[in-house]
Amino acid sequence: TTQTQVFQLLQTSSFTNISSAEVSGVAFLGDVPIYTLDPANWSIHFHRPWASQAAAEGDIGKIKSHSKLFLRSMVRFVHETAQQAQLDYPFVVQVRVGCVLYPNRTSWSFMDVGVSGRDLITFEMERQRWKPQQSSLLAELVSKSLTNKAIIGLLEHLLSISCQSHILSLCRYGRADLERQVPPVAVVFARTPSPAQLLLVCRVTGFYPRPISVAWLRDGQEVPPGPALSTSAILPNADLTYQLRSILAVTPHDGHSYACRVRHRSLGSRSLLIPWENHSAAPTVGIAIVVLVLVATASAVGFWWWKRSHSGSSADLTLGIVLGQDLLHS
């Protein structure tokens, strides 16, 4: 892999009473969903064909074939531990597990367990031990139960070897999807919440991958962070691209020029630079053009009447000029 890749599995288990549990999960490579666990029958659904190919290889393939057995054991363990700790139902168990693979092939792994929104325990790979994240009987019981040579040895193998191998398989089979680049489309427009304030909005959408840089320039200089500048979170689109908005509050007619600058991997060394065009002068320009047209028309009519009657009476000339003025003022 030529860039840092993060694989993580997020699992959520809802325990409503002593005899039931609903388990769901989703796996991501970076921000790309790879596969999900169906809570109805614990079957695995792959979001991409290449994800299924990668999951059939090596240790991950073996885990996949025994996933339902593992889930049944996990549910039984949670119920037994909840009874020992006298934990009240209902409660939710959340697990986050995965690894980070860097371009130089070094890696870092993680596994965190939480209960009902609170951190419970975490696995420290370097020390090969479970560390409680809260002072409770439940944290002590879970840490003690999972601290045995077989479980720690299996976790070390899965997190330090199997996880990295799976990332490489996913990158190999899914290269076309994972390395695709879609350039952003950006527009700038304004909102006027009050006569004394103008909100310049830079809307950037349709880009992939996710990392992007959006900045406002005032007279060619980047506007620093401050209360006048706000940028939204990067949000997903339905077509697996992303969008965001950056808003700059300014004073109307302050005499400065503004532009939105967008930098993205798909653009290479180039940047998108979208200037804010103040259209407030447009009506004035339009009125001036209409006036000029009317003046020209009035002059033409007056001249026509003058030419027609230059050998006639002065009254005819006066009538031509008056008609031209009437047309101008109508």
Protein backbone atom coordinates (compact mmCIF):
# COMPACT_ATOMS: atom_id res chain seq x y z
CA THR A 1 0.00 0.00 0.00
CA THR A 2 1.27 3.50 -0.87
CA GLN A 3 -0.74 5.28 1.82
CA THR A 4 -1.81 4.69 5.40
CA GLN A 5 -4.78 2.30 5.56
CA VAL A 6 -7.10 1.77 8.53
CA PHE A 7 -9.27 -1.32 8.86
CA GLN A 8 -11.82 -1.43 11.66
CA LEU A 9 -14.76 -3.57 12.65
CA LEU A 10 -17.52 -1.93 14.69
CA GLN A 11 -19.85 -4.33 16.47
CA THR A 12 -22.92 -3.42 18.51
CA SER A 13 -24.82 -5.97 20.62
CA SER A 14 -28.09 -5.13 22.34
CA PHE A 15 -29.05 -7.33 25.32
CA THR A 16 -32.67 -6.75 26.28
CA ASN A 17 -32.99 -9.66 28.74
CA ILE A 18 -31.28 -12.86 29.87
CA SER A 19 -32.44 -14.85 26.84
CA SER A 20 -32.04 -12.48 23.90
CA ALA A 21 -29.40 -10.50 22.05
CA GLU A 22 -29.27 -8.61 18.77
CA VAL A 23 -25.84 -8.34 17.16
CA SER A 24 -24.96 -6.08 14.23
CA GLY A 25 -21.68 -4.90 12.78
CA VAL A 26 -19.95 -3.12 9.94
CA ALA A 27 -16.36 -3.22 8.69
CA PHE A 28 -14.58 -0.28 7.05
CA LEU A 29 -11.37 0.17 5.15
CA GLY A 30 -10.71 3.85 5.70
CA ASP A 31 -14.12 5.40 5.10
CA VAL A 32 -15.30 2.72 2.65
CA PRO A 33 -17.83 0.20 4.06
CA ILE A 34 -16.62 -3.30 3.24
CA TYR A 35 -19.19 -5.67 4.74
CA THR A 36 -21.98 -5.72 7.31
CA LEU A 37 -23.40 -8.30 9.69
CA ASP A 38 -27.13 -8.88 9.33
CA PRO A 39 -28.67 -8.88 12.85
CA ALA A 40 -31.55 -11.10 11.68
CA ASN A 41 -29.51 -14.19 10.81
CA TRP A 42 -25.86 -13.18 11.43
CA SER A 43 -25.02 -13.55 7.76
CA ILE A 44 -22.32 -11.35 6.21
CA HIS A 45 -23.26 -9.02 3.36
CA PHE A 46 -20.43 -7.69 1.17
CA HIS A 47 -20.71 -4.18 -0.23
CA ARG A 48 -18.25 -4.90 -3.05
CA PRO A 49 -17.48 -8.13 -4.94
CA TRP A 50 -13.78 -7.62 -4.32
CA ALA A 51 -14.40 -7.49 -0.56
CA SER A 52 -15.82 -11.01 -0.73
CA GLN A 53 -12.74 -12.18 -2.62
CA ALA A 54 -10.40 -10.66 -0.05
CA ALA A 55 -12.40 -12.12 2.87
CA ALA A 56 -12.03 -15.64 1.49
CA GLU A 57 -8.25 -15.60 1.93
CA GLY A 58 -6.08 -16.60 4.89
CA ASP A 59 -7.10 -16.27 8.52
CA ILE A 60 -10.00 -13.96 7.68
CA GLY A 61 -11.51 -16.70 5.55
CA LYS A 62 -11.33 -19.11 8.49
CA ILE A 63 -12.89 -16.56 10.84
CA LYS A 64 -15.66 -15.91 8.31
CA SER A 65 -16.54 -19.61 8.11
CA HIS A 66 -16.78 -19.83 11.92
CA SER A 67 -18.29 -16.40 12.56
CA LYS A 68 -21.67 -17.67 13.83
CA LEU A 69 -19.98 -20.01 16.32
CA PHE A 70 -17.87 -17.12 17.58
CA LEU A 71 -20.93 -14.88 17.96
CA ARG A 72 -22.85 -17.52 19.92
CA SER A 73 -19.89 -17.92 22.29
CA MET A 74 -19.61 -14.16 22.68
CA VAL A 75 -23.31 -13.78 23.53
CA ARG A 76 -23.13 -16.58 26.09
CA PHE A 77 -20.02 -15.04 27.70
CA VAL A 78 -21.70 -11.61 27.98
CA HIS A 79 -24.83 -13.06 29.62
CA GLU A 80 -22.75 -15.03 32.14
CA THR A 81 -20.55 -12.04 32.98
CA ALA A 82 -23.59 -9.75 33.32
CA GLN A 83 -25.08 -12.14 35.89
CA GLN A 84 -21.84 -12.26 37.87
CA ALA A 85 -21.56 -8.46 37.88
CA GLN A 86 -25.29 -8.10 38.61
CA LEU A 87 -25.64 -5.86 35.58
CA ASP A 88 -29.18 -4.64 34.94
CA TYR A 89 -30.86 -5.31 31.60
CA PRO A 90 -31.16 -3.86 29.04
CA PHE A 91 -27.63 -2.85 28.10
CA VAL A 92 -25.52 -2.47 24.95
CA VAL A 93 -22.00 -3.82 24.30
CA GLN A 94 -19.86 -2.04 21.73
CA VAL A 95 -16.62 -3.38 20.28
CA ARG A 96 -14.14 -1.53 18.06
CA VAL A 97 -11.27 -3.62 16.73
CA GLY A 98 -8.83 -3.22 13.88
CA CYS A 99 -5.41 -2.08 12.77
CA VAL A 100 -3.49 0.66 10.98
CA LEU A 101 -1.00 -0.22 8.24
CA TYR A 102 1.55 2.44 7.30
CA PRO A 103 3.28 2.73 3.89
CA ASN A 104 6.55 1.39 5.36
CA ARG A 105 4.64 -1.77 6.44
CA THR A 106 4.79 -0.95 10.14
CA SER A 107 1.45 -1.26 11.91
CA TRP A 108 -0.56 -0.45 15.00
CA SER A 109 -3.54 -2.41 16.36
CA PHE A 110 -6.41 -1.62 18.69
CA MET A 111 -9.36 -3.27 20.45
CA ASP A 112 -11.76 -1.37 22.69
CA VAL A 113 -14.89 -2.58 24.49
CA GLY A 114 -17.61 -0.35 25.88
CA VAL A 115 -20.93 -0.86 27.65
CA SER A 116 -23.89 1.46 27.12
CA GLY A 117 -21.76 4.30 25.84
CA ARG A 118 -18.98 4.08 28.45
CA ASP A 119 -15.46 2.70 27.87
CA LEU A 120 -15.04 -0.62 29.70
CA ILE A 121 -11.69 -2.22 28.78
CA THR A 122 -9.01 -1.89 26.12
CA PHE A 123 -6.40 -4.37 24.88
CA GLU A 124 -2.81 -3.10 25.05
CA MET A 125 -0.95 -4.90 22.30
CA GLU A 126 2.54 -3.82 23.44
CA ARG A 127 2.03 -5.20 26.95
CA GLN A 128 -0.29 -8.04 25.86
CA ARG A 129 -2.82 -7.27 28.54
CA TRP A 130 -6.33 -5.94 29.11
CA LYS A 131 -6.59 -2.59 30.84
CA PRO A 132 -9.84 -1.57 32.63
CA GLN A 133 -11.12 1.88 31.59
CA GLN A 134 -13.41 2.27 34.60
CA SER A 135 -13.43 1.26 38.23
CA SER A 136 -16.23 -1.29 38.31
CA LEU A 137 -16.84 -4.93 39.11
CA LEU A 138 -17.82 -5.52 35.48
CA ALA A 139 -14.52 -4.15 34.12
CA GLU A 140 -12.55 -6.29 36.58
CA LEU A 141 -14.51 -9.45 35.74
CA VAL A 142 -14.18 -9.01 31.96
CA SER A 143 -10.45 -8.21 32.18
CA LYS A 144 -9.82 -11.22 34.38
CA SER A 145 -11.90 -13.58 32.21
CA LEU A 146 -10.11 -12.54 29.01
CA THR A 147 -6.64 -12.62 30.55
CA ASN A 148 -5.48 -16.10 29.68
CA LYS A 149 -2.66 -17.27 27.46
CA ALA A 150 -4.83 -18.75 24.71
CA ILE A 151 -7.04 -15.67 24.23
CA ILE A 152 -4.16 -13.18 24.37
CA GLY A 153 -2.10 -15.28 21.94
CA LEU A 154 -5.01 -15.47 19.51
CA LEU A 155 -5.64 -11.71 19.73
CA GLU A 156 -1.97 -10.93 19.18
CA HIS A 157 -1.93 -13.08 16.03
CA LEU A 158 -5.18 -11.66 14.65
CA LEU A 159 -4.34 -8.01 15.33
CA SER A 160 -0.64 -8.01 14.44
CA ILE A 161 -0.65 -10.43 11.47
CA SER A 162 -4.10 -11.32 10.14
CA CYS A 163 -5.44 -7.76 10.15
CA GLN A 164 -2.52 -6.35 8.17
CA SER A 165 -2.71 -9.25 5.72
CA HIS A 166 -6.41 -8.57 5.22
CA ILE A 167 -5.71 -4.90 4.45
CA LEU A 168 -3.21 -5.91 1.76
CA SER A 169 -5.75 -8.33 0.25
CA LEU A 170 -8.46 -5.66 0.23
CA CYS A 171 -6.10 -3.16 -1.42
CA ARG A 172 -5.07 -5.71 -4.03
CA TYR A 173 -8.58 -6.80 -5.04
CA GLY A 174 -10.20 -3.36 -4.64
CA ARG A 175 -7.48 -1.18 -6.12
CA ALA A 176 -9.74 0.36 -8.79
CA ASP A 177 -12.34 1.45 -6.22
CA LEU A 178 -9.94 2.43 -3.46
CA GLU A 179 -7.66 4.51 -5.69
CA ARG A 180 -10.38 6.29 -7.67
CA GLN A 181 -10.31 10.06 -7.66
CA VAL A 182 -13.31 12.28 -8.34
CA PRO A 183 -12.63 16.04 -8.56
CA PRO A 184 -14.78 18.42 -6.52
CA VAL A 185 -17.38 20.80 -7.92
CA ALA A 186 -17.54 24.13 -6.09
CA VAL A 187 -19.94 27.09 -6.21
CA VAL A 188 -20.02 30.34 -4.24
CA PHE A 189 -23.21 32.18 -3.36
CA ALA A 190 -24.44 34.57 -0.69
CA ARG A 191 -27.10 34.78 1.99
CA THR A 192 -28.23 38.01 3.69
CA PRO A 193 -29.54 37.30 7.22
CA SER A 194 -29.58 41.06 7.95
CA PRO A 195 -28.79 44.32 6.10
CA ALA A 196 -25.55 44.60 8.07
CA GLN A 197 -24.27 41.07 7.38
CA LEU A 198 -23.48 39.05 4.28
CA LEU A 199 -22.78 35.31 4.48
CA LEU A 200 -20.57 34.00 1.67
CA VAL A 201 -21.14 30.26 1.18
CA CYS A 202 -18.71 27.96 -0.61
CA ARG A 203 -20.38 24.62 -1.37
CA VAL A 204 -18.02 21.84 -2.41
CA THR A 205 -19.43 18.47 -3.45
CA GLY A 206 -18.91 15.29 -5.47
CA PHE A 207 -15.29 14.67 -4.44
CA TYR A 208 -13.45 11.46 -3.55
CA PRO A 209 -11.37 10.53 -1.60
CA ARG A 210 -12.45 12.27 1.58
CA PRO A 211 -9.45 14.50 2.51
CA ILE A 212 -9.88 18.04 1.18
CA SER A 213 -8.78 21.59 1.98
CA VAL A 214 -11.17 24.54 1.66
CA ALA A 215 -10.13 28.12 2.49
CA TRP A 216 -11.39 31.66 1.95
CA LEU A 217 -9.11 34.34 0.47
CA ARG A 218 -9.60 38.05 1.19
CA ASP A 219 -7.74 40.20 -1.36
CA GLY A 220 -5.64 37.13 -2.16
CA GLN A 221 -4.69 36.37 1.46
CA GLU A 222 -6.06 33.35 3.34
CA VAL A 223 -8.63 34.24 6.00
CA PRO A 224 -7.42 32.84 9.36
CA PRO A 225 -9.71 30.80 11.64
CA GLY A 226 -12.06 32.94 13.68
CA PRO A 227 -15.69 33.56 14.63
CA ALA A 228 -16.49 34.85 11.12
CA LEU A 229 -15.42 31.59 9.49
CA SER A 230 -17.19 28.25 9.90
CA THR A 231 -16.79 25.01 7.97
CA SER A 232 -19.12 22.02 8.19
CA ALA A 233 -18.10 18.42 8.72
CA ILE A 234 -17.39 16.38 5.58
CA LEU A 235 -20.63 14.55 4.79
CA PRO A 236 -21.24 11.55 2.50
CA ASN A 237 -23.30 11.68 -0.68
CA ALA A 238 -25.45 8.81 -1.93
CA ASP A 239 -22.98 8.10 -4.76
CA LEU A 240 -20.11 7.46 -2.30
CA THR A 241 -18.60 10.91 -2.80
CA TYR A 242 -18.46 13.71 -0.22
CA GLN A 243 -19.57 17.29 0.36
CA LEU A 244 -19.00 20.21 2.73
CA ARG A 245 -19.76 23.92 3.11
CA SER A 246 -17.58 26.77 4.28
CA ILE A 247 -19.26 30.02 5.34
CA LEU A 248 -17.60 33.41 5.78
CA ALA A 249 -19.45 36.31 7.42
CA VAL A 250 -18.51 39.71 5.93
CA THR A 251 -19.81 43.28 5.92
CA PRO A 252 -21.69 44.17 2.72
CA HIS A 253 -19.79 46.51 0.35
CA ASP A 254 -16.63 46.40 2.50
CA GLY A 255 -14.45 46.98 -0.56
CA HIS A 256 -12.60 43.63 -0.35
CA SER A 257 -12.48 40.86 -2.93
CA TYR A 258 -13.23 37.30 -1.82
CA ALA A 259 -12.59 33.86 -3.30
CA CYS A 260 -12.99 30.25 -2.17
CA ARG A 261 -9.93 28.03 -2.71
CA VAL A 262 -10.27 24.24 -2.90
CA ARG A 263 -7.39 21.76 -2.86
CA HIS A 264 -7.89 18.03 -3.44
CA ARG A 265 -5.80 15.05 -4.46
CA SER A 266 -7.71 14.68 -7.74
CA LEU A 267 -6.58 18.19 -8.77
CA GLY A 268 -2.88 17.43 -8.43
CA SER A 269 -0.89 20.62 -7.85
CA ARG A 270 -3.75 22.79 -9.12
CA SER A 271 -6.41 24.48 -6.98
CA LEU A 272 -9.98 25.49 -7.64
CA LEU A 273 -10.38 29.24 -7.12
CA ILE A 274 -13.98 30.47 -7.19
CA PRO A 275 -14.31 34.25 -6.76
CA TRP A 276 -17.31 35.89 -5.14
CA GLU A 277 -18.92 38.13 -7.74
CA ASN A 278 -20.93 40.89 -6.09
CA HIS A 279 -24.11 41.04 -8.14
CA SER A 280 -25.56 43.97 -6.19
CA ALA A 281 -24.39 46.34 -8.93
CA ALA A 282 -26.18 44.34 -11.63
CA PRO A 283 -29.57 46.15 -11.33
CA THR A 284 -27.85 49.54 -11.57
CA VAL A 285 -25.97 48.43 -14.67
CA GLY A 286 -29.20 47.09 -16.16
CA ILE A 287 -31.03 50.36 -15.52
CA ALA A 288 -28.18 52.35 -17.08
CA ILE A 289 -28.33 50.20 -20.20
CA VAL A 290 -32.11 50.70 -20.51
CA VAL A 291 -31.69 54.46 -20.10
CA LEU A 292 -29.02 54.58 -22.81
CA VAL A 293 -31.27 52.63 -25.18
CA LEU A 294 -34.19 54.98 -24.53
CA VAL A 295 -32.01 58.05 -25.01
CA ALA A 296 -30.72 56.66 -28.29
CA THR A 297 -34.24 55.84 -29.44
CA ALA A 298 -35.54 59.26 -28.45
CA SER A 299 -32.72 60.96 -30.27
CA ALA A 300 -33.36 58.90 -33.38
CA VAL A 301 -37.05 59.76 -33.38
CA GLY A 302 -36.32 63.45 -32.84
CA PHE A 303 -33.73 63.47 -35.61
CA TRP A 304 -36.16 61.72 -37.95
CA TRP A 305 -38.80 64.31 -37.31
CA TRP A 306 -36.29 67.13 -37.72
CA LYS A 307 -34.99 65.73 -41.00
CA ARG A 308 -38.53 65.29 -42.29
CA SER A 309 -39.49 68.78 -41.47
CA HIS A 310 -36.22 70.71 -41.78
CA SER A 311 -37.71 72.64 -44.71
CA GLY A 312 -41.05 72.99 -42.92
CA SER A 313 -42.20 75.00 -39.98
CA SER A 314 -40.45 75.20 -36.64
CA ALA A 315 -43.60 73.77 -35.13
CA ASP A 316 -42.98 70.46 -36.84
CA LEU A 317 -39.43 70.37 -35.47
CA THR A 318 -40.71 71.16 -32.00
CA LEU A 319 -43.26 68.35 -32.31
CA GLY A 320 -40.54 65.88 -33.23
CA ILE A 321 -38.43 66.83 -30.21
CA VAL A 322 -41.44 66.61 -27.89
CA LEU A 323 -42.33 63.16 -29.19
CA GLY A 324 -38.78 62.03 -28.54
CA GLN A 325 -38.92 63.37 -24.98
CA ASP A 326 -42.27 61.70 -24.38
CA LEU A 327 -40.80 58.37 -25.47
CA LEU A 328 -37.85 58.84 -23.15
CA HIS A 329 -40.04 59.55 -20.13
CA SER A 330 -42.65 56.88 -20.86
